[in-house]
Amino acid sequence: MQRITSNIDSSVIAFVREKSGHKVLAICNLSNKQLDITLKSQLLIGQYINVFTNERKIFTDKLQLTMKPWQYVVLEKTQ
């Protein structure tokens, strides 16, 4: 598991876990506030699918998103 730092590390945890060729990216807002989050890492680069909504996304080494209070996102890398 590799931690990815954010612009709000005191309220956000993000990490990548890779095993047996499968890669998962998890991002969690651990606060009771809506947050504008920025993540920067080479680990982000690629195509992902949201495991809950099946929405597909392509990420570069910088990811910006707004998360609701207590929201979490789990994405599986597809390529």
C-alpha atoms as a PDB file:
ATOM      1  CA  MET A   1       0.000   0.000   0.000  1.00  0.00           C
ATOM      2  CA  GLN A   2       1.329   3.419  -0.967  1.00  0.00           C
ATOM      3  CA  ARG A   3      -0.052   6.615   0.528  1.00  0.00           C
ATOM      4  CA  ILE A   4      -0.812   9.527  -1.799  1.00  0.00           C
ATOM      5  CA  THR A   5      -0.606  12.935  -0.191  1.00  0.00           C
ATOM      6  CA  SER A   6      -3.244  15.588  -0.729  1.00  0.00           C
ATOM      7  CA  ASN A   7      -3.630  19.297  -0.168  1.00  0.00           C
ATOM      8  CA  ILE A   8      -5.641  18.463   2.989  1.00  0.00           C
ATOM      9  CA  ASP A   9      -3.857  15.497   4.576  1.00  0.00           C
ATOM     10  CA  SER A  10      -5.424  16.203   7.958  1.00  0.00           C
ATOM     11  CA  SER A  11      -8.878  15.323   6.533  1.00  0.00           C
ATOM     12  CA  VAL A  12      -8.159  13.067   3.563  1.00  0.00           C
ATOM     13  CA  ILE A  13      -6.563   9.687   3.188  1.00  0.00           C
ATOM     14  CA  ALA A  14      -5.725   8.376  -0.262  1.00  0.00           C
ATOM     15  CA  PHE A  15      -3.750   5.301  -1.164  1.00  0.00           C
ATOM     16  CA  VAL A  16      -2.987   2.849  -3.938  1.00  0.00           C
ATOM     17  CA  ARG A  17      -2.827  -0.869  -3.329  1.00  0.00           C
ATOM     18  CA  GLU A  18      -1.512  -3.268  -5.942  1.00  0.00           C
ATOM     19  CA  LYS A  19      -1.447  -7.045  -5.760  1.00  0.00           C
ATOM     20  CA  SER A  20      -1.228  -9.758  -8.412  1.00  0.00           C
ATOM     21  CA  GLY A  21      -1.558  -7.206 -11.218  1.00  0.00           C
ATOM     22  CA  HIS A  22      -4.683  -5.555  -9.781  1.00  0.00           C
ATOM     23  CA  LYS A  23      -4.472  -1.914  -8.694  1.00  0.00           C
ATOM     24  CA  VAL A  24      -6.990  -0.069  -6.523  1.00  0.00           C
ATOM     25  CA  LEU A  25      -7.094   3.629  -5.653  1.00  0.00           C
ATOM     26  CA  ALA A  26      -9.058   4.659  -2.559  1.00  0.00           C
ATOM     27  CA  ILE A  27      -9.812   8.261  -1.558  1.00  0.00           C
ATOM     28  CA  CYS A  28     -11.631   9.064   1.699  1.00  0.00           C
ATOM     29  CA  ASN A  29     -12.908  12.369   3.073  1.00  0.00           C
ATOM     30  CA  LEU A  30     -12.644  11.861   6.833  1.00  0.00           C
ATOM     31  CA  SER A  31     -14.323  15.139   7.735  1.00  0.00           C
ATOM     32  CA  ASN A  32     -17.845  16.435   8.185  1.00  0.00           C
ATOM     33  CA  LYS A  33     -17.221  19.118   5.525  1.00  0.00           C
ATOM     34  CA  GLN A  34     -17.286  19.190   1.744  1.00  0.00           C
ATOM     35  CA  LEU A  35     -13.689  19.397   0.518  1.00  0.00           C
ATOM     36  CA  ASP A  36     -11.922  20.390  -2.692  1.00  0.00           C
ATOM     37  CA  ILE A  37      -9.105  17.874  -2.883  1.00  0.00           C
ATOM     38  CA  THR A  38      -5.960  17.793  -4.999  1.00  0.00           C
ATOM     39  CA  LEU A  39      -3.801  14.688  -5.299  1.00  0.00           C
ATOM     40  CA  LYS A  40      -0.463  14.610  -7.120  1.00  0.00           C
ATOM     41  CA  SER A  41       1.397  11.388  -7.851  1.00  0.00           C
ATOM     42  CA  GLN A  42       2.727   9.329 -10.738  1.00  0.00           C
ATOM     43  CA  LEU A  43       0.774   6.451  -9.147  1.00  0.00           C
ATOM     44  CA  LEU A  44      -2.488   8.055 -10.344  1.00  0.00           C
ATOM     45  CA  ILE A  45      -1.759   7.815 -14.068  1.00  0.00           C
ATOM     46  CA  GLY A  46      -4.097   5.503 -15.946  1.00  0.00           C
ATOM     47  CA  GLN A  47      -7.679   4.513 -16.668  1.00  0.00           C
ATOM     48  CA  TYR A  48      -9.942   3.617 -13.746  1.00  0.00           C
ATOM     49  CA  ILE A  49     -13.478   2.444 -13.098  1.00  0.00           C
ATOM     50  CA  ASN A  50     -15.452   3.402  -9.997  1.00  0.00           C
ATOM     51  CA  VAL A  51     -16.326   0.083  -8.338  1.00  0.00           C
ATOM     52  CA  PHE A  52     -19.654   1.449  -7.047  1.00  0.00           C
ATOM     53  CA  THR A  53     -20.957   3.417 -10.055  1.00  0.00           C
ATOM     54  CA  ASN A  54     -19.032   1.838 -12.997  1.00  0.00           C
ATOM     55  CA  GLU A  55     -18.086   5.368 -14.102  1.00  0.00           C
ATOM     56  CA  ARG A  56     -14.845   5.391 -16.073  1.00  0.00           C
ATOM     57  CA  LYS A  57     -12.137   8.033 -15.643  1.00  0.00           C
ATOM     58  CA  ILE A  58      -8.693   8.733 -17.078  1.00  0.00           C
ATOM     59  CA  PHE A  59      -6.207  10.338 -14.677  1.00  0.00           C
ATOM     60  CA  THR A  60      -2.919  12.111 -15.169  1.00  0.00           C
ATOM     61  CA  ASP A  61      -0.455  12.666 -12.321  1.00  0.00           C
ATOM     62  CA  LYS A  62      -2.783  15.317 -10.840  1.00  0.00           C
ATOM     63  CA  LEU A  63      -6.355  14.697  -9.699  1.00  0.00           C
ATOM     64  CA  GLN A  64      -8.774  17.344  -8.448  1.00  0.00           C
ATOM     65  CA  LEU A  65     -12.168  16.449  -7.022  1.00  0.00           C
ATOM     66  CA  THR A  66     -14.818  17.706  -4.646  1.00  0.00           C
ATOM     67  CA  MET A  67     -15.950  15.243  -2.026  1.00  0.00           C
ATOM     68  CA  LYS A  68     -18.993  15.392   0.227  1.00  0.00           C
ATOM     69  CA  PRO A  69     -18.633  14.940   3.989  1.00  0.00           C
ATOM     70  CA  TRP A  70     -17.541  11.374   4.864  1.00  0.00           C
ATOM     71  CA  GLN A  71     -17.555  10.378   1.178  1.00  0.00           C
ATOM     72  CA  TYR A  72     -15.189   7.726  -0.118  1.00  0.00           C
ATOM     73  CA  VAL A  73     -14.323   6.582  -3.628  1.00  0.00           C
ATOM     74  CA  VAL A  74     -12.802   3.271  -4.666  1.00  0.00           C
ATOM     75  CA  LEU A  75     -11.427   2.973  -8.194  1.00  0.00           C
ATOM     76  CA  GLU A  76      -9.945  -0.052  -9.945  1.00  0.00           C
ATOM     77  CA  LYS A  77      -7.296   0.504 -12.598  1.00  0.00           C
ATOM     78  CA  THR A  78      -8.308  -0.927 -15.952  1.00  0.00           C
ATOM     79  CA  GLN A  79      -5.236   0.040 -18.014  1.00  0.00           C
END
